[in-house]
Amino acid sequence: MTTKGYRKITGAEDEEENTSHPLNTANCFSMLTFWWMNSVFRTGSERPLEKSDFLPIHEKDRTRDLTEHLQTQWNNDVDRSNKELGTKPRLWKTLLSTISLKEMSFLWSILTIDSAGRVFQPLLLGYLIHVLTFEPEKRLLACSMSLLLALSGLLTSCSHYVSYQCELLGMRLSSAIKGIIYLKNGHPSLSLDLSQWDKGVDALLLFLVVKQGAFSNHLTEGMDVIYAIQAIEKL
């Protein structure tokens, strides 16, 4: 027996706000294997994906929040430079301060371990073949090296996750810069102090950010954004 009455009609924005992102509850294994995306993969294997099938935007990836955070940091740097004579705020330093040191340390440590694993993997394989061929009695040593070679597969999964995080970091920085430039050029009445931004830097940076294809496709690590802006500011 069905109950009579009216049900509240919820829009897409309400559902997005009430729906928790699965990445918030994902464990380490789920993040490395992208297990938290299984619902999308399962739906895509059954039928073509629609807009409503995709996951909501994560709270840390929203352009509005990223722009407001960068805007606050930039205004704080401008105020600090006004109080300290002889100093000038730098956009790349402001962007660098918005990046979590814990996150960058984790990414760089995984990249370092993965690079070391790629170097020592053929050496371990060669020594394992040598042990199995000429010293078969050293089974414990052979099993240890086999275990280390098996862990290299886990390092590959970690490298994929790091590449994903670096690309995501680059898109976050790009979105924040675009928001700042939009606030300066599209809404000059807003409280955003960019008077100390050099006009030549402004034009070059605007051109760099608008070129989305060249900016994102060649971005292999999020820190490339910092280096690009630092080079532009030195022109």
Protein backbone atom coordinates (compact mmCIF):
# COMPACT_ATOMS: atom_id res chain seq x y z
CA MET A 1 0.00 0.00 0.00
CA THR A 2 1.44 3.31 -1.06
CA THR A 3 1.23 6.41 1.06
CA LYS A 4 -0.48 9.47 -0.35
CA GLY A 5 1.02 12.88 -0.24
CA TYR A 6 3.48 15.16 -1.92
CA ARG A 7 7.21 14.67 -2.12
CA LYS A 8 9.55 17.60 -2.10
CA ILE A 9 11.15 18.23 -5.47
CA THR A 10 14.89 18.62 -5.05
CA GLY A 11 17.07 20.28 -7.63
CA ALA A 12 20.53 19.29 -8.81
CA GLU A 13 22.17 21.93 -6.62
CA ASP A 14 20.41 20.64 -3.50
CA GLU A 15 21.42 17.07 -4.26
CA GLU A 16 25.02 18.16 -4.85
CA GLU A 17 25.13 19.94 -1.49
CA ASN A 18 23.57 17.03 0.39
CA THR A 19 25.66 14.36 -1.34
CA SER A 20 28.99 13.67 0.27
CA HIS A 21 31.89 13.13 -2.07
CA PRO A 22 33.08 9.48 -1.93
CA LEU A 23 36.68 10.67 -1.80
CA ASN A 24 36.06 12.01 1.71
CA THR A 25 35.56 8.47 3.06
CA ALA A 26 38.00 6.67 0.73
CA ASN A 27 40.90 4.80 2.32
CA CYS A 28 44.47 4.60 1.02
CA PHE A 29 43.81 1.51 -1.12
CA SER A 30 40.72 3.11 -2.63
CA MET A 31 42.62 6.27 -3.56
CA LEU A 32 45.51 4.35 -5.15
CA THR A 33 43.24 2.12 -7.23
CA PHE A 34 40.51 4.75 -7.84
CA TRP A 35 38.01 2.38 -6.24
CA TRP A 36 35.90 5.37 -5.19
CA MET A 37 35.06 5.87 -8.90
CA ASN A 38 33.46 2.43 -9.22
CA SER A 39 29.91 3.77 -9.31
CA VAL A 40 30.72 5.85 -12.39
CA PHE A 41 32.59 2.99 -14.06
CA ARG A 42 29.73 0.57 -13.38
CA THR A 43 27.17 2.95 -14.84
CA GLY A 44 29.37 3.63 -17.86
CA SER A 45 29.69 -0.08 -18.59
CA GLU A 46 25.90 -0.41 -18.77
CA ARG A 47 24.94 2.70 -20.73
CA PRO A 48 26.34 6.03 -21.95
CA LEU A 49 27.09 8.38 -19.10
CA GLU A 50 24.93 11.44 -18.54
CA LYS A 51 25.67 14.64 -16.67
CA SER A 52 23.83 13.45 -13.57
CA ASP A 53 25.96 10.27 -13.44
CA PHE A 54 29.19 12.09 -12.66
CA LEU A 55 30.31 12.74 -9.12
CA PRO A 56 29.83 16.21 -7.62
CA ILE A 57 32.75 18.58 -7.53
CA HIS A 58 34.90 18.14 -4.46
CA GLU A 59 34.85 20.94 -1.93
CA LYS A 60 38.56 21.65 -2.45
CA ASP A 61 38.17 21.92 -6.24
CA ARG A 62 35.51 24.63 -6.44
CA THR A 63 36.72 27.71 -8.29
CA ARG A 64 34.91 30.10 -5.97
CA ASP A 65 36.61 28.77 -2.85
CA LEU A 66 40.01 28.60 -4.54
CA THR A 67 39.71 32.17 -5.79
CA GLU A 68 38.58 33.50 -2.41
CA HIS A 69 41.48 31.76 -0.69
CA LEU A 70 44.01 33.15 -3.17
CA GLN A 71 42.39 36.59 -2.96
CA THR A 72 42.72 36.60 0.83
CA GLN A 73 46.35 35.51 0.66
CA TRP A 74 47.19 38.14 -1.98
CA ASN A 75 45.54 40.96 -0.02
CA ASN A 76 47.43 39.86 3.09
CA ASP A 77 50.72 39.91 1.18
CA VAL A 78 49.94 43.38 -0.20
CA ASP A 79 49.17 44.70 3.29
CA ARG A 80 52.37 43.16 4.61
CA SER A 81 54.43 44.73 1.81
CA ASN A 82 52.88 48.15 2.48
CA LYS A 83 53.97 47.92 6.11
CA GLU A 84 57.46 46.70 5.23
CA LEU A 85 59.21 49.23 3.01
CA GLY A 86 61.28 47.92 0.12
CA THR A 87 59.27 44.72 -0.35
CA LYS A 88 56.96 43.86 -3.22
CA PRO A 89 54.38 41.07 -3.25
CA ARG A 90 54.96 38.25 -5.70
CA LEU A 91 52.12 36.23 -7.15
CA TRP A 92 54.13 33.00 -7.33
CA LYS A 93 54.94 33.28 -3.62
CA THR A 94 51.28 33.83 -2.85
CA LEU A 95 50.34 30.77 -4.91
CA LEU A 96 53.03 28.75 -3.18
CA SER A 97 51.61 29.68 0.21
CA THR A 98 48.19 28.32 -0.80
CA ILE A 99 49.60 24.83 -1.35
CA SER A 100 49.58 22.48 1.60
CA LEU A 101 53.13 21.62 2.67
CA LYS A 102 51.95 18.22 3.87
CA GLU A 103 50.41 17.41 0.49
CA MET A 104 53.49 18.50 -1.46
CA SER A 105 55.81 16.54 0.85
CA PHE A 106 53.72 13.42 0.31
CA LEU A 107 53.72 13.84 -3.48
CA TRP A 108 57.44 14.49 -3.69
CA SER A 109 58.25 11.54 -1.42
CA ILE A 110 56.19 9.18 -3.59
CA LEU A 111 57.86 10.53 -6.73
CA THR A 112 61.30 10.02 -5.17
CA ILE A 113 60.51 6.46 -4.09
CA ASP A 114 59.06 5.64 -7.51
CA SER A 115 62.14 7.02 -9.28
CA ALA A 116 64.41 4.98 -7.03
CA GLY A 117 62.29 1.90 -7.67
CA ARG A 118 62.58 2.32 -11.43
CA VAL A 119 66.37 2.50 -11.11
CA PHE A 120 66.80 -0.49 -8.81
CA GLN A 121 64.13 -2.72 -10.39
CA PRO A 122 66.34 -4.03 -13.27
CA LEU A 123 69.24 -4.45 -10.83
CA LEU A 124 67.09 -6.57 -8.50
CA LEU A 125 65.80 -8.59 -11.43
CA GLY A 126 69.32 -9.25 -12.68
CA TYR A 127 70.55 -10.28 -9.23
CA LEU A 128 67.49 -12.50 -8.76
CA ILE A 129 68.26 -14.32 -12.00
CA HIS A 130 71.86 -14.71 -10.86
CA VAL A 131 70.80 -16.19 -7.51
CA LEU A 132 68.32 -18.62 -9.10
CA THR A 133 70.90 -19.73 -11.66
CA PHE A 134 74.10 -20.06 -9.64
CA GLU A 135 73.00 -20.03 -5.99
CA PRO A 136 69.68 -21.93 -5.75
CA GLU A 137 70.20 -22.69 -2.06
CA LYS A 138 69.64 -19.02 -1.14
CA ARG A 139 65.88 -19.28 -1.27
CA LEU A 140 65.27 -16.70 1.43
CA LEU A 141 67.25 -14.09 -0.48
CA ALA A 142 65.43 -14.96 -3.69
CA CYS A 143 62.04 -14.64 -1.99
CA SER A 144 63.01 -11.27 -0.52
CA MET A 145 64.00 -9.89 -3.91
CA SER A 146 60.81 -11.28 -5.44
CA LEU A 147 58.83 -9.46 -2.78
CA LEU A 148 60.65 -6.23 -3.58
CA LEU A 149 59.88 -6.67 -7.27
CA ALA A 150 56.23 -7.25 -6.43
CA LEU A 151 56.18 -3.99 -4.49
CA SER A 152 57.26 -2.18 -7.65
CA GLY A 153 53.76 -2.78 -8.98
CA LEU A 154 52.39 -0.92 -5.97
CA LEU A 155 54.81 1.91 -6.70
CA THR A 156 53.37 2.10 -10.22
CA SER A 157 49.89 2.55 -8.75
CA CYS A 158 51.27 5.22 -6.45
CA SER A 159 52.86 7.02 -9.38
CA HIS A 160 49.51 7.06 -11.18
CA TYR A 161 47.89 8.56 -8.11
CA VAL A 162 50.64 11.17 -7.81
CA SER A 163 50.24 12.11 -11.48
CA TYR A 164 46.51 12.53 -10.91
CA GLN A 165 47.10 14.69 -7.84
CA CYS A 166 49.67 16.84 -9.67
CA GLU A 167 47.31 17.44 -12.57
CA LEU A 168 44.54 18.24 -10.09
CA LEU A 169 46.82 20.65 -8.26
CA GLY A 170 47.68 22.36 -11.53
CA MET A 171 43.99 22.78 -12.38
CA ARG A 172 43.34 24.22 -8.92
CA LEU A 173 46.08 26.80 -9.33
CA SER A 174 44.92 27.61 -12.85
CA SER A 175 41.33 28.08 -11.68
CA ALA A 176 42.45 30.32 -8.82
CA ILE A 177 44.51 32.53 -11.16
CA LYS A 178 41.65 32.77 -13.63
CA GLY A 179 39.32 33.80 -10.84
CA ILE A 180 41.73 36.48 -9.66
CA ILE A 181 42.09 37.92 -13.17
CA TYR A 182 38.32 37.79 -13.62
CA LEU A 183 37.85 39.73 -10.40
CA LYS A 184 40.36 42.34 -11.50
CA ASN A 185 39.18 42.82 -15.09
CA GLY A 186 35.51 41.85 -14.88
CA HIS A 187 34.63 43.28 -11.46
CA PRO A 188 36.95 46.24 -10.69
CA SER A 189 34.61 47.37 -7.91
CA LEU A 190 35.41 44.36 -5.75
CA SER A 191 37.86 44.71 -2.87
CA LEU A 192 40.88 43.21 -4.55
CA ASP A 193 44.13 45.15 -4.30
CA LEU A 194 46.17 44.38 -7.41
CA SER A 195 47.63 47.85 -7.86
CA GLN A 196 51.15 46.56 -7.39
CA TRP A 197 50.77 44.09 -10.24
CA ASP A 198 52.93 45.20 -13.17
CA LYS A 199 50.96 45.82 -16.39
CA GLY A 200 53.32 43.74 -18.50
CA VAL A 201 53.05 40.86 -16.07
CA ASP A 202 49.27 41.27 -16.11
CA ALA A 203 49.06 40.98 -19.90
CA LEU A 204 51.45 38.04 -20.17
CA LEU A 205 49.83 36.20 -17.28
CA LEU A 206 46.36 36.75 -18.71
CA PHE A 207 47.51 35.36 -22.06
CA LEU A 208 49.08 32.34 -20.35
CA VAL A 209 46.02 31.54 -18.29
CA VAL A 210 43.53 31.94 -21.13
CA LYS A 211 45.50 29.44 -23.22
CA GLN A 212 43.86 26.52 -21.44
CA GLY A 213 45.07 23.84 -23.85
CA ALA A 214 48.74 24.80 -23.78
CA PHE A 215 48.52 25.48 -20.04
CA SER A 216 46.98 22.20 -18.89
CA ASN A 217 48.08 19.61 -21.44
CA HIS A 218 51.77 20.26 -20.84
CA LEU A 219 51.34 20.52 -17.08
CA THR A 220 52.83 17.34 -15.66
CA GLU A 221 53.32 18.70 -12.17
CA GLY A 222 51.47 21.41 -10.28
CA MET A 223 54.69 23.24 -9.44
CA ASP A 224 55.14 24.15 -13.12
CA VAL A 225 52.55 26.86 -12.56
CA ILE A 226 54.73 28.45 -9.90
CA TYR A 227 57.82 28.33 -12.12
CA ALA A 228 55.96 29.83 -15.08
CA ILE A 229 54.64 32.78 -13.06
CA GLN A 230 58.02 33.31 -11.44
CA ALA A 231 59.68 33.50 -14.86
CA ILE A 232 57.05 35.93 -16.15
CA GLU A 233 57.46 38.24 -13.17
CA LYS A 234 61.19 38.48 -13.88
CA LEU A 235 60.58 39.81 -17.43
